Amino acid sequence: MQALSTVEVRGWAGDLIDGDDTLLIEQIQTRLLGRRGVWAAPDEILVTVGAQHALFLLATLLVGTATTVGVEDPGYPDARNIFASRTPSVVALPLDADGLALSAG
């Protein structure tokens, strides 16, 4: 029974290092992005393993030591921590009735 379970898991949990899961990318294009009026080519879609991974990638690409980052307060603590690992200048922005109070930063 254990061997059968292992074979079944490999079918849906494989690592596609050599290529993307074309069915997943197609579903993202049509069901998620397309319904929101967003068009993206398959090579413009990046699937991460979660919110923290996505935030880490964004911080790595966009945040330098001289960058100021504004984060919601209250907000997602892991976002603040990830950005703070890249720059000492993380500004907490309070929320008002319209969303972020940008003038507070």
PDB file of N, CA and C in Angstrom:
ATOM      1  N   MET A   1       0.815  -1.185   0.000  1.00  0.00           N
ATOM      2  CA  MET A   1       0.000   0.000   0.000  1.00  0.00           C
ATOM      3  C   MET A   1       0.866   1.261   0.000  1.00  0.00           C
ATOM      4  N   GLN A   2       1.949   1.259   0.766  1.00  0.00           N
ATOM      5  CA  GLN A   2       2.846   2.413   0.827  1.00  0.00           C
ATOM      6  C   GLN A   2       3.421   2.727  -0.551  1.00  0.00           C
ATOM      7  N   ALA A   3       3.859   1.721  -1.295  1.00  0.00           N
ATOM      8  CA  ALA A   3       4.433   1.938  -2.626  1.00  0.00           C
ATOM      9  C   ALA A   3       3.406   2.531  -3.571  1.00  0.00           C
ATOM     10  N   LEU A   4       2.185   2.071  -3.516  1.00  0.00           N
ATOM     11  CA  LEU A   4       1.132   2.602  -4.368  1.00  0.00           C
ATOM     12  C   LEU A   4       0.899   4.080  -4.065  1.00  0.00           C
ATOM     13  N   SER A   5       0.883   4.440  -2.799  1.00  0.00           N
ATOM     14  CA  SER A   5       0.686   5.834  -2.412  1.00  0.00           C
ATOM     15  C   SER A   5       1.812   6.714  -2.924  1.00  0.00           C
ATOM     16  N   THR A   6       3.042   6.228  -2.863  1.00  0.00           N
ATOM     17  CA  THR A   6       4.193   6.986  -3.340  1.00  0.00           C
ATOM     18  C   THR A   6       4.088   7.255  -4.828  1.00  0.00           C
ATOM     19  N   VAL A   7       3.694   6.267  -5.602  1.00  0.00           N
ATOM     20  CA  VAL A   7       3.545   6.437  -7.045  1.00  0.00           C
ATOM     21  C   VAL A   7       2.461   7.461  -7.350  1.00  0.00           C
ATOM     22  N   GLU A   8       1.350   7.401  -6.633  1.00  0.00           N
ATOM     23  CA  GLU A   8       0.265   8.355  -6.859  1.00  0.00           C
ATOM     24  C   GLU A   8       0.705   9.782  -6.554  1.00  0.00           C
ATOM     25  N   VAL A   9       1.451   9.970  -5.479  1.00  0.00           N
ATOM     26  CA  VAL A   9       1.903  11.306  -5.106  1.00  0.00           C
ATOM     27  C   VAL A   9       2.836  11.872  -6.167  1.00  0.00           C
ATOM     28  N   ARG A  10       3.711  11.075  -6.715  1.00  0.00           N
ATOM     29  CA  ARG A  10       4.638  11.564  -7.737  1.00  0.00           C
ATOM     30  C   ARG A  10       3.905  12.146  -8.937  1.00  0.00           C
ATOM     31  N   GLY A  11       2.737  11.611  -9.234  1.00  0.00           N
ATOM     32  CA  GLY A  11       1.987  12.092 -10.385  1.00  0.00           C
ATOM     33  C   GLY A  11       1.485  13.518 -10.241  1.00  0.00           C
ATOM     34  N   TRP A  12       1.149  13.932  -9.027  1.00  0.00           N
ATOM     35  CA  TRP A  12       0.607  15.280  -8.852  1.00  0.00           C
ATOM     36  C   TRP A  12       1.513  16.215  -8.068  1.00  0.00           C
ATOM     37  N   ALA A  13       2.593  15.698  -7.512  1.00  0.00           N
ATOM     38  CA  ALA A  13       3.475  16.545  -6.714  1.00  0.00           C
ATOM     39  C   ALA A  13       4.870  16.647  -7.308  1.00  0.00           C
ATOM     40  N   GLY A  14       4.996  16.363  -8.576  1.00  0.00           N
ATOM     41  CA  GLY A  14       6.308  16.403  -9.204  1.00  0.00           C
ATOM     42  C   GLY A  14       6.874  17.806  -9.292  1.00  0.00           C
ATOM     43  N   ASP A  15       8.172  17.889  -9.388  1.00  0.00           N
ATOM     44  CA  ASP A  15       8.864  19.160  -9.534  1.00  0.00           C
ATOM     45  C   ASP A  15       9.128  19.383 -11.013  1.00  0.00           C
ATOM     46  N   LEU A  16       8.596  20.453 -11.551  1.00  0.00           N
ATOM     47  CA  LEU A  16       8.718  20.725 -12.983  1.00  0.00           C
ATOM     48  C   LEU A  16       9.853  21.703 -13.253  1.00  0.00           C
ATOM     49  N   ILE A  17      11.054  21.333 -12.851  1.00  0.00           N
ATOM     50  CA  ILE A  17      12.199  22.223 -12.998  1.00  0.00           C
ATOM     51  C   ILE A  17      12.465  22.555 -14.459  1.00  0.00           C
ATOM     52  N   ASP A  18      12.289  21.603 -15.340  1.00  0.00           N
ATOM     53  CA  ASP A  18      12.605  21.819 -16.745  1.00  0.00           C
ATOM     54  C   ASP A  18      11.522  22.577 -17.500  1.00  0.00           C
ATOM     55  N   GLY A  19      10.387  22.802 -16.898  1.00  0.00           N
ATOM     56  CA  GLY A  19       9.318  23.513 -17.581  1.00  0.00           C
ATOM     57  C   GLY A  19       8.157  23.776 -16.650  1.00  0.00           C
ATOM     58  N   ASP A  20       7.349  24.738 -17.046  1.00  0.00           N
ATOM     59  CA  ASP A  20       6.179  25.084 -16.239  1.00  0.00           C
ATOM     60  C   ASP A  20       5.052  24.102 -16.479  1.00  0.00           C
ATOM     61  N   ASP A  21       4.134  24.054 -15.557  1.00  0.00           N
ATOM     62  CA  ASP A  21       2.915  23.276 -15.714  1.00  0.00           C
ATOM     63  C   ASP A  21       2.003  24.086 -16.627  1.00  0.00           C
ATOM     64  N   THR A  22       1.934  23.704 -17.885  1.00  0.00           N
ATOM     65  CA  THR A  22       1.196  24.492 -18.873  1.00  0.00           C
ATOM     66  C   THR A  22      -0.287  24.596 -18.541  1.00  0.00           C
ATOM     67  N   LEU A  23      -0.862  23.555 -17.964  1.00  0.00           N
ATOM     68  CA  LEU A  23      -2.272  23.607 -17.591  1.00  0.00           C
ATOM     69  C   LEU A  23      -2.504  24.637 -16.477  1.00  0.00           C
ATOM     70  N   LEU A  24      -1.623  24.670 -15.495  1.00  0.00           N
ATOM     71  CA  LEU A  24      -1.746  25.648 -14.416  1.00  0.00           C
ATOM     72  C   LEU A  24      -1.618  27.065 -14.960  1.00  0.00           C
ATOM     73  N   ILE A  25      -0.630  27.298 -15.800  1.00  0.00           N
ATOM     74  CA  ILE A  25      -0.430  28.629 -16.377  1.00  0.00           C
ATOM     75  C   ILE A  25      -1.645  29.040 -17.199  1.00  0.00           C
ATOM     76  N   GLU A  26      -2.187  28.117 -17.963  1.00  0.00           N
ATOM     77  CA  GLU A  26      -3.379  28.409 -18.770  1.00  0.00           C
ATOM     78  C   GLU A  26      -4.563  28.776 -17.877  1.00  0.00           C
ATOM     79  N   GLN A  27      -4.741  28.063 -16.774  1.00  0.00           N
ATOM     80  CA  GLN A  27      -5.832  28.363 -15.849  1.00  0.00           C
ATOM     81  C   GLN A  27      -5.646  29.741 -15.207  1.00  0.00           C
ATOM     82  N   ILE A  28      -4.422  30.066 -14.857  1.00  0.00           N
ATOM     83  CA  ILE A  28      -4.145  31.389 -14.290  1.00  0.00           C
ATOM     84  C   ILE A  28      -4.463  32.472 -15.313  1.00  0.00           C
ATOM     85  N   GLN A  29      -4.056  32.238 -16.572  1.00  0.00           N
ATOM     86  CA  GLN A  29      -4.325  33.214 -17.631  1.00  0.00           C
ATOM     87  C   GLN A  29      -5.816  33.425 -17.844  1.00  0.00           C
ATOM     88  N   THR A  30      -6.576  32.350 -17.926  1.00  0.00           N
ATOM     89  CA  THR A  30      -7.980  32.465 -18.308  1.00  0.00           C
ATOM     90  C   THR A  30      -8.921  32.676 -17.127  1.00  0.00           C
ATOM     91  N   ARG A  31      -8.744  31.925 -16.070  1.00  0.00           N
ATOM     92  CA  ARG A  31      -9.697  31.989 -14.960  1.00  0.00           C
ATOM     93  C   ARG A  31      -9.391  33.086 -13.952  1.00  0.00           C
ATOM     94  N   LEU A  32      -8.139  33.395 -13.750  1.00  0.00           N
ATOM     95  CA  LEU A  32      -7.803  34.432 -12.772  1.00  0.00           C
ATOM     96  C   LEU A  32      -7.561  35.779 -13.438  1.00  0.00           C
ATOM     97  N   LEU A  33      -6.566  35.831 -14.300  1.00  0.00           N
ATOM     98  CA  LEU A  33      -6.201  37.111 -14.899  1.00  0.00           C
ATOM     99  C   LEU A  33      -7.207  37.573 -15.939  1.00  0.00           C
ATOM    100  N   GLY A  34      -7.604  36.673 -16.820  1.00  0.00           N
ATOM    101  CA  GLY A  34      -8.520  37.030 -17.895  1.00  0.00           C
ATOM    102  C   GLY A  34      -9.828  37.602 -17.397  1.00  0.00           C
ATOM    103  N   ARG A  35     -10.351  37.056 -16.336  1.00  0.00           N
ATOM    104  CA  ARG A  35     -11.612  37.548 -15.771  1.00  0.00           C
ATOM    105  C   ARG A  35     -11.456  38.898 -15.091  1.00  0.00           C
ATOM    106  N   ARG A  36     -10.231  39.288 -14.848  1.00  0.00           N
ATOM    107  CA  ARG A  36      -9.968  40.595 -14.233  1.00  0.00           C
ATOM    108  C   ARG A  36      -9.476  41.605 -15.264  1.00  0.00           C
ATOM    109  N   GLY A  37      -9.526  41.217 -16.533  1.00  0.00           N
ATOM    110  CA  GLY A  37      -9.108  42.122 -17.596  1.00  0.00           C
ATOM    111  C   GLY A  37      -7.607  42.280 -17.721  1.00  0.00           C
ATOM    112  N   VAL A  38      -6.857  41.316 -17.211  1.00  0.00           N
ATOM    113  CA  VAL A  38      -5.395  41.371 -17.272  1.00  0.00           C
ATOM    114  C   VAL A  38      -4.914  40.338 -18.272  1.00  0.00           C
ATOM    115  N   TRP A  39      -4.059  40.747 -19.202  1.00  0.00           N
ATOM    116  CA  TRP A  39      -3.482  39.809 -20.153  1.00  0.00           C
ATOM    117  C   TRP A  39      -2.011  39.648 -19.820  1.00  0.00           C
ATOM    118  N   ALA A  40      -1.557  38.414 -19.752  1.00  0.00           N
ATOM    119  CA  ALA A  40      -0.148  38.127 -19.480  1.00  0.00           C
ATOM    120  C   ALA A  40       0.271  36.927 -20.304  1.00  0.00           C
ATOM    121  N   ALA A  41       1.449  37.015 -20.872  1.00  0.00           N
ATOM    122  CA  ALA A  41       2.026  35.888 -21.599  1.00  0.00           C
ATOM    123  C   ALA A  41       2.487  34.847 -20.581  1.00  0.00           C
ATOM    124  N   PRO A  42       2.559  33.589 -20.980  1.00  0.00           N
ATOM    125  CA  PRO A  42       2.995  32.544 -20.042  1.00  0.00           C
ATOM    126  C   PRO A  42       4.333  32.847 -19.367  1.00  0.00           C
ATOM    127  N   ASP A  43       5.262  33.465 -20.083  1.00  0.00           N
ATOM    128  CA  ASP A  43       6.565  33.744 -19.478  1.00  0.00           C
ATOM    129  C   ASP A  43       6.539  34.967 -18.554  1.00  0.00           C
ATOM    130  N   GLU A  44       5.380  35.609 -18.416  1.00  0.00           N
ATOM    131  CA  GLU A  44       5.229  36.729 -17.495  1.00  0.00           C
ATOM    132  C   GLU A  44       4.537  36.317 -16.194  1.00  0.00           C
ATOM    133  N   ILE A  45       4.196  35.059 -16.073  1.00  0.00           N
ATOM    134  CA  ILE A  45       3.498  34.554 -14.891  1.00  0.00           C
ATOM    135  C   ILE A  45       4.493  33.801 -14.018  1.00  0.00           C
ATOM    136  N   LEU A  46       4.550  34.192 -12.756  1.00  0.00           N
ATOM    137  CA  LEU A  46       5.446  33.550 -11.800  1.00  0.00           C
ATOM    138  C   LEU A  46       4.611  32.999 -10.654  1.00  0.00           C
ATOM    139  N   VAL A  47       4.694  31.715 -10.440  1.00  0.00           N
ATOM    140  CA  VAL A  47       3.976  31.070  -9.346  1.00  0.00           C
ATOM    141  C   VAL A  47       4.960  30.878  -8.200  1.00  0.00           C
ATOM    142  N   THR A  48       4.595  31.385  -7.022  1.00  0.00           N
ATOM    143  CA  THR A  48       5.458  31.243  -5.854  1.00  0.00           C
ATOM    144  C   THR A  48       4.867  30.191  -4.916  1.00  0.00           C
ATOM    145  N   VAL A  49       5.623  29.850  -3.896  1.00  0.00           N
ATOM    146  CA  VAL A  49       5.152  28.840  -2.948  1.00  0.00           C
ATOM    147  C   VAL A  49       4.375  29.454  -1.790  1.00  0.00           C
ATOM    148  N   GLY A  50       4.070  30.734  -1.888  1.00  0.00           N
ATOM    149  CA  GLY A  50       3.269  31.387  -0.863  1.00  0.00           C
ATOM    150  C   GLY A  50       3.538  32.875  -0.805  1.00  0.00           C
ATOM    151  N   ALA A  51       2.801  33.557   0.057  1.00  0.00           N
ATOM    152  CA  ALA A  51       2.911  35.010   0.174  1.00  0.00           C
ATOM    153  C   ALA A  51       4.304  35.438   0.631  1.00  0.00           C
ATOM    154  N   GLN A  52       4.869  34.737   1.602  1.00  0.00           N
ATOM    155  CA  GLN A  52       6.195  35.113   2.089  1.00  0.00           C
ATOM    156  C   GLN A  52       7.247  34.962   0.996  1.00  0.00           C
ATOM    157  N   HIS A  53       7.147  33.918   0.207  1.00  0.00           N
ATOM    158  CA  HIS A  53       8.084  33.721  -0.891  1.00  0.00           C
ATOM    159  C   HIS A  53       7.951  34.852  -1.906  1.00  0.00           C
ATOM    160  N   ALA A  54       6.720  35.223  -2.240  1.00  0.00           N
ATOM    161  CA  ALA A  54       6.489  36.311  -3.188  1.00  0.00           C
ATOM    162  C   ALA A  54       7.048  37.629  -2.647  1.00  0.00           C
ATOM    163  N   LEU A  55       6.800  37.918  -1.377  1.00  0.00           N
ATOM    164  CA  LEU A  55       7.316  39.148  -0.779  1.00  0.00           C
ATOM    165  C   LEU A  55       8.840  39.149  -0.727  1.00  0.00           C
ATOM    166  N   PHE A  56       9.436  38.006  -0.425  1.00  0.00           N
ATOM    167  CA  PHE A  56      10.896  37.901  -0.415  1.00  0.00           C
ATOM    168  C   PHE A  56      11.465  38.195  -1.798  1.00  0.00           C
ATOM    169  N   LEU A  57      10.853  37.624  -2.840  1.00  0.00           N
ATOM    170  CA  LEU A  57      11.325  37.882  -4.201  1.00  0.00           C
ATOM    171  C   LEU A  57      11.196  39.359  -4.559  1.00  0.00           C
ATOM    172  N   LEU A  58      10.058  39.969  -4.217  1.00  0.00           N
ATOM    173  CA  LEU A  58       9.870  41.397  -4.482  1.00  0.00           C
ATOM    174  C   LEU A  58      10.904  42.239  -3.742  1.00  0.00           C
ATOM    175  N   ALA A  59      11.121  41.931  -2.475  1.00  0.00           N
ATOM    176  CA  ALA A  59      12.096  42.691  -1.695  1.00  0.00           C
ATOM    177  C   ALA A  59      13.498  42.532  -2.265  1.00  0.00           C
ATOM    178  N   THR A  60      13.841  41.330  -2.670  1.00  0.00           N
ATOM    179  CA  THR A  60      15.164  41.083  -3.233  1.00  0.00           C
ATOM    180  C   THR A  60      15.364  41.860  -4.529  1.00  0.00           C
ATOM    181  N   LEU A  61      14.337  41.918  -5.351  1.00  0.00           N
ATOM    182  CA  LEU A  61      14.436  42.595  -6.642  1.00  0.00           C
ATOM    183  C   LEU A  61      14.328  44.112  -6.545  1.00  0.00           C
ATOM    184  N   LEU A  62      13.495  44.617  -5.651  1.00  0.00           N
ATOM    185  CA  LEU A  62      13.143  46.035  -5.686  1.00  0.00           C
ATOM    186  C   LEU A  62      13.657  46.876  -4.526  1.00  0.00           C
ATOM    187  N   VAL A  63      14.088  46.257  -3.446  1.00  0.00           N
ATOM    188  CA  VAL A  63      14.436  47.017  -2.245  1.00  0.00           C
ATOM    189  C   VAL A  63      15.936  46.964  -2.001  1.00  0.00           C
ATOM    190  N   GLY A  64      16.534  48.144  -1.944  1.00  0.00           N
ATOM    191  CA  GLY A  64      17.944  48.269  -1.598  1.00  0.00           C
ATOM    192  C   GLY A  64      18.073  48.906  -0.229  1.00  0.00           C
ATOM    193  N   THR A  65      19.299  49.071   0.248  1.00  0.00           N
ATOM    194  CA  THR A  65      19.505  49.623   1.588  1.00  0.00           C
ATOM    195  C   THR A  65      19.059  51.080   1.686  1.00  0.00           C
ATOM    196  N   ALA A  66      18.988  51.795   0.563  1.00  0.00           N
ATOM    197  CA  ALA A  66      18.562  53.198   0.571  1.00  0.00           C
ATOM    198  C   ALA A  66      17.085  53.368   0.221  1.00  0.00           C
ATOM    199  N   THR A  67      16.358  52.268   0.041  1.00  0.00           N
ATOM    200  CA  THR A  67      14.947  52.318  -0.336  1.00  0.00           C
ATOM    201  C   THR A  67      14.074  52.505   0.896  1.00  0.00           C
ATOM    202  N   THR A  68      13.072  53.361   0.772  1.00  0.00           N
ATOM    203  CA  THR A  68      12.067  53.500   1.822  1.00  0.00           C
ATOM    204  C   THR A  68      10.840  52.709   1.403  1.00  0.00           C
ATOM    205  N   VAL A  69      10.355  51.870   2.303  1.00  0.00           N
ATOM    206  CA  VAL A  69       9.190  51.032   2.025  1.00  0.00           C
ATOM    207  C   VAL A  69       8.086  51.405   3.007  1.00  0.00           C
ATOM    208  N   GLY A  70       6.893  51.652   2.485  1.00  0.00           N
ATOM    209  CA  GLY A  70       5.735  51.911   3.325  1.00  0.00           C
ATOM    210  C   GLY A  70       4.903  50.651   3.469  1.00  0.00           C
ATOM    211  N   VAL A  71       4.505  50.339   4.689  1.00  0.00           N
ATOM    212  CA  VAL A  71       3.673  49.160   4.942  1.00  0.00           C
ATOM    213  C   VAL A  71       2.460  49.564   5.773  1.00  0.00           C
ATOM    214  N   GLU A  72       1.352  48.871   5.574  1.00  0.00           N
ATOM    215  CA  GLU A  72       0.130  49.125   6.339  1.00  0.00           C
ATOM    216  C   GLU A  72       0.370  48.915   7.829  1.00  0.00           C
ATOM    217  N   ASP A  73      -0.260  49.769   8.636  1.00  0.00           N
ATOM    218  CA  ASP A  73      -0.199  49.611  10.082  1.00  0.00           C
ATOM    219  C   ASP A  73      -1.597  49.814  10.647  1.00  0.00           C
ATOM    220  N   PRO A  74      -2.299  48.801  11.095  1.00  0.00           N
ATOM    221  CA  PRO A  74      -1.793  47.440  11.231  1.00  0.00           C
ATOM    222  C   PRO A  74      -1.731  46.744   9.875  1.00  0.00           C
ATOM    223  N   GLY A  75      -0.819  45.813   9.782  1.00  0.00           N
ATOM    224  CA  GLY A  75      -0.637  45.088   8.531  1.00  0.00           C
ATOM    225  C   GLY A  75      -0.031  43.725   8.769  1.00  0.00           C
ATOM    226  N   TYR A  76       0.469  43.153   7.694  1.00  0.00           N
ATOM    227  CA  TYR A  76       1.032  41.810   7.719  1.00  0.00           C
ATOM    228  C   TYR A  76       2.446  41.881   8.305  1.00  0.00           C
ATOM    229  N   PRO A  77       2.675  41.376   9.523  1.00  0.00           N
ATOM    230  CA  PRO A  77       3.989  41.491  10.161  1.00  0.00           C
ATOM    231  C   PRO A  77       5.114  40.875   9.339  1.00  0.00           C
ATOM    232  N   ASP A  78       4.841  39.782   8.652  1.00  0.00           N
ATOM    233  CA  ASP A  78       5.898  39.153   7.860  1.00  0.00           C
ATOM    234  C   ASP A  78       6.332  40.044   6.705  1.00  0.00           C
ATOM    235  N   ALA A  79       5.416  40.810   6.131  1.00  0.00           N
ATOM    236  CA  ALA A  79       5.793  41.749   5.067  1.00  0.00           C
ATOM    237  C   ALA A  79       6.748  42.793   5.637  1.00  0.00           C
ATOM    238  N   ARG A  80       6.386  43.366   6.779  1.00  0.00           N
ATOM    239  CA  ARG A  80       7.254  44.358   7.420  1.00  0.00           C
ATOM    240  C   ARG A  80       8.632  43.764   7.709  1.00  0.00           C
ATOM    241  N   ASN A  81       8.667  42.551   8.235  1.00  0.00           N
ATOM    242  CA  ASN A  81       9.939  41.916   8.581  1.00  0.00           C
ATOM    243  C   ASN A  81      10.782  41.612   7.353  1.00  0.00           C
ATOM    244  N   ILE A  82      10.155  41.159   6.284  1.00  0.00           N
ATOM    245  CA  ILE A  82      10.895  40.855   5.054  1.00  0.00           C
ATOM    246  C   ILE A  82      11.512  42.125   4.489  1.00  0.00           C
ATOM    247  N   PHE A  83      10.726  43.209   4.429  1.00  0.00           N
ATOM    248  CA  PHE A  83      11.267  44.468   3.911  1.00  0.00           C
ATOM    249  C   PHE A  83      12.339  45.027   4.846  1.00  0.00           C
ATOM    250  N   ALA A  84      12.144  44.883   6.155  1.00  0.00           N
ATOM    251  CA  ALA A  84      13.131  45.369   7.121  1.00  0.00           C
ATOM    252  C   ALA A  84      14.448  44.609   7.023  1.00  0.00           C
ATOM    253  N   SER A  85      14.423  43.400   6.506  1.00  0.00           N
ATOM    254  CA  SER A  85      15.671  42.647   6.327  1.00  0.00           C
ATOM    255  C   SER A  85      16.497  43.198   5.166  1.00  0.00           C
ATOM    256  N   ARG A  86      15.882  44.034   4.325  1.00  0.00           N
ATOM    257  CA  ARG A  86      16.570  44.597   3.156  1.00  0.00           C
ATOM    258  C   ARG A  86      16.919  46.073   3.325  1.00  0.00           C
ATOM    259  N   THR A  87      16.151  46.794   4.156  1.00  0.00           N
ATOM    260  CA  THR A  87      16.369  48.228   4.333  1.00  0.00           C
ATOM    261  C   THR A  87      16.010  48.636   5.762  1.00  0.00           C
ATOM    262  N   PRO A  88      16.744  49.591   6.315  1.00  0.00           N
ATOM    263  CA  PRO A  88      16.380  50.073   7.649  1.00  0.00           C
ATOM    264  C   PRO A  88      15.207  51.058   7.616  1.00  0.00           C
ATOM    265  N   SER A  89      14.803  51.461   6.423  1.00  0.00           N
ATOM    266  CA  SER A  89      13.775  52.486   6.290  1.00  0.00           C
ATOM    267  C   SER A  89      12.426  51.888   5.900  1.00  0.00           C
ATOM    268  N   VAL A  90      11.735  51.324   6.902  1.00  0.00           N
ATOM    269  CA  VAL A  90      10.382  50.802   6.710  1.00  0.00           C
ATOM    270  C   VAL A  90       9.446  51.705   7.510  1.00  0.00           C
ATOM    271  N   VAL A  91       8.502  52.330   6.802  1.00  0.00           N
ATOM    272  CA  VAL A  91       7.604  53.303   7.414  1.00  0.00           C
ATOM    273  C   VAL A  91       6.222  52.686   7.581  1.00  0.00           C
ATOM    274  N   ALA A  92       5.700  52.729   8.805  1.00  0.00           N
ATOM    275  CA  ALA A  92       4.348  52.238   9.079  1.00  0.00           C
ATOM    276  C   ALA A  92       3.352  53.310   8.652  1.00  0.00           C
ATOM    277  N   LEU A  93       2.434  52.948   7.769  1.00  0.00           N
ATOM    278  CA  LEU A  93       1.421  53.878   7.275  1.00  0.00           C
ATOM    279  C   LEU A  93       0.066  53.508   7.861  1.00  0.00           C
ATOM    280  N   PRO A  94      -0.549  54.428   8.604  1.00  0.00           N
ATOM    281  CA  PRO A  94      -1.858  54.121   9.185  1.00  0.00           C
ATOM    282  C   PRO A  94      -2.932  54.047   8.107  1.00  0.00           C
ATOM    283  N   LEU A  95      -4.023  53.418   8.471  1.00  0.00           N
ATOM    284  CA  LEU A  95      -5.170  53.311   7.570  1.00  0.00           C
ATOM    285  C   LEU A  95      -6.225  54.322   7.986  1.00  0.00           C
ATOM    286  N   ASP A  96      -6.907  54.880   6.986  1.00  0.00           N
ATOM    287  CA  ASP A  96      -8.059  55.732   7.273  1.00  0.00           C
ATOM    288  C   ASP A  96      -9.258  55.182   6.505  1.00  0.00           C
ATOM    289  N   ALA A  97     -10.320  55.921   6.422  1.00  0.00           N
ATOM    290  CA  ALA A  97     -11.543  55.442   5.767  1.00  0.00           C
ATOM    291  C   ALA A  97     -11.335  55.129   4.290  1.00  0.00           C
ATOM    292  N   ASP A  98     -10.325  55.749   3.666  1.00  0.00           N
ATOM    293  CA  ASP A  98     -10.065  55.541   2.239  1.00  0.00           C
ATOM    294  C   ASP A  98      -8.949  54.541   1.965  1.00  0.00           C
ATOM    295  N   GLY A  99      -8.349  53.979   2.994  1.00  0.00           N
ATOM    296  CA  GLY A  99      -7.240  53.038   2.808  1.00  0.00           C
ATOM    297  C   GLY A  99      -5.978  53.578   3.454  1.00  0.00           C
ATOM    298  N   LEU A 100      -4.839  53.417   2.775  1.00  0.00           N
ATOM    299  CA  LEU A 100      -3.569  53.896   3.313  1.00  0.00           C
ATOM    300  C   LEU A 100      -3.558  55.413   3.409  1.00  0.00           C
ATOM    301  N   ALA A 101      -3.101  55.928   4.532  1.00  0.00           N
ATOM    302  CA  ALA A 101      -2.943  57.372   4.715  1.00  0.00           C
ATOM    303  C   ALA A 101      -1.528  57.732   4.282  1.00  0.00           C
ATOM    304  N   LEU A 102      -1.337  57.933   2.988  1.00  0.00           N
ATOM    305  CA  LEU A 102      -0.003  58.156   2.439  1.00  0.00           C
ATOM    306  C   LEU A 102       0.645  59.426   2.973  1.00  0.00           C
ATOM    307  N   SER A 103      -0.136  60.418   3.317  1.00  0.00           N
ATOM    308  CA  SER A 103       0.427  61.670   3.826  1.00  0.00           C
ATOM    309  C   SER A 103       1.099  61.482   5.187  1.00  0.00           C
ATOM    310  N   ALA A 104       0.789  60.401   5.868  1.00  0.00           N
ATOM    311  CA  ALA A 104       1.387  60.134   7.180  1.00  0.00           C
ATOM    312  C   ALA A 104       2.834  59.692   7.055  1.00  0.00           C
ATOM    313  N   GLY A 105       3.218  59.174   5.887  1.00  0.00           N
ATOM    314  CA  GLY A 105       4.576  58.671   5.701  1.00  0.00           C
ATOM    315  C   GLY A 105       5.484  59.772   5.337  1.00  0.00           C
TER     316      GLY A 105
END
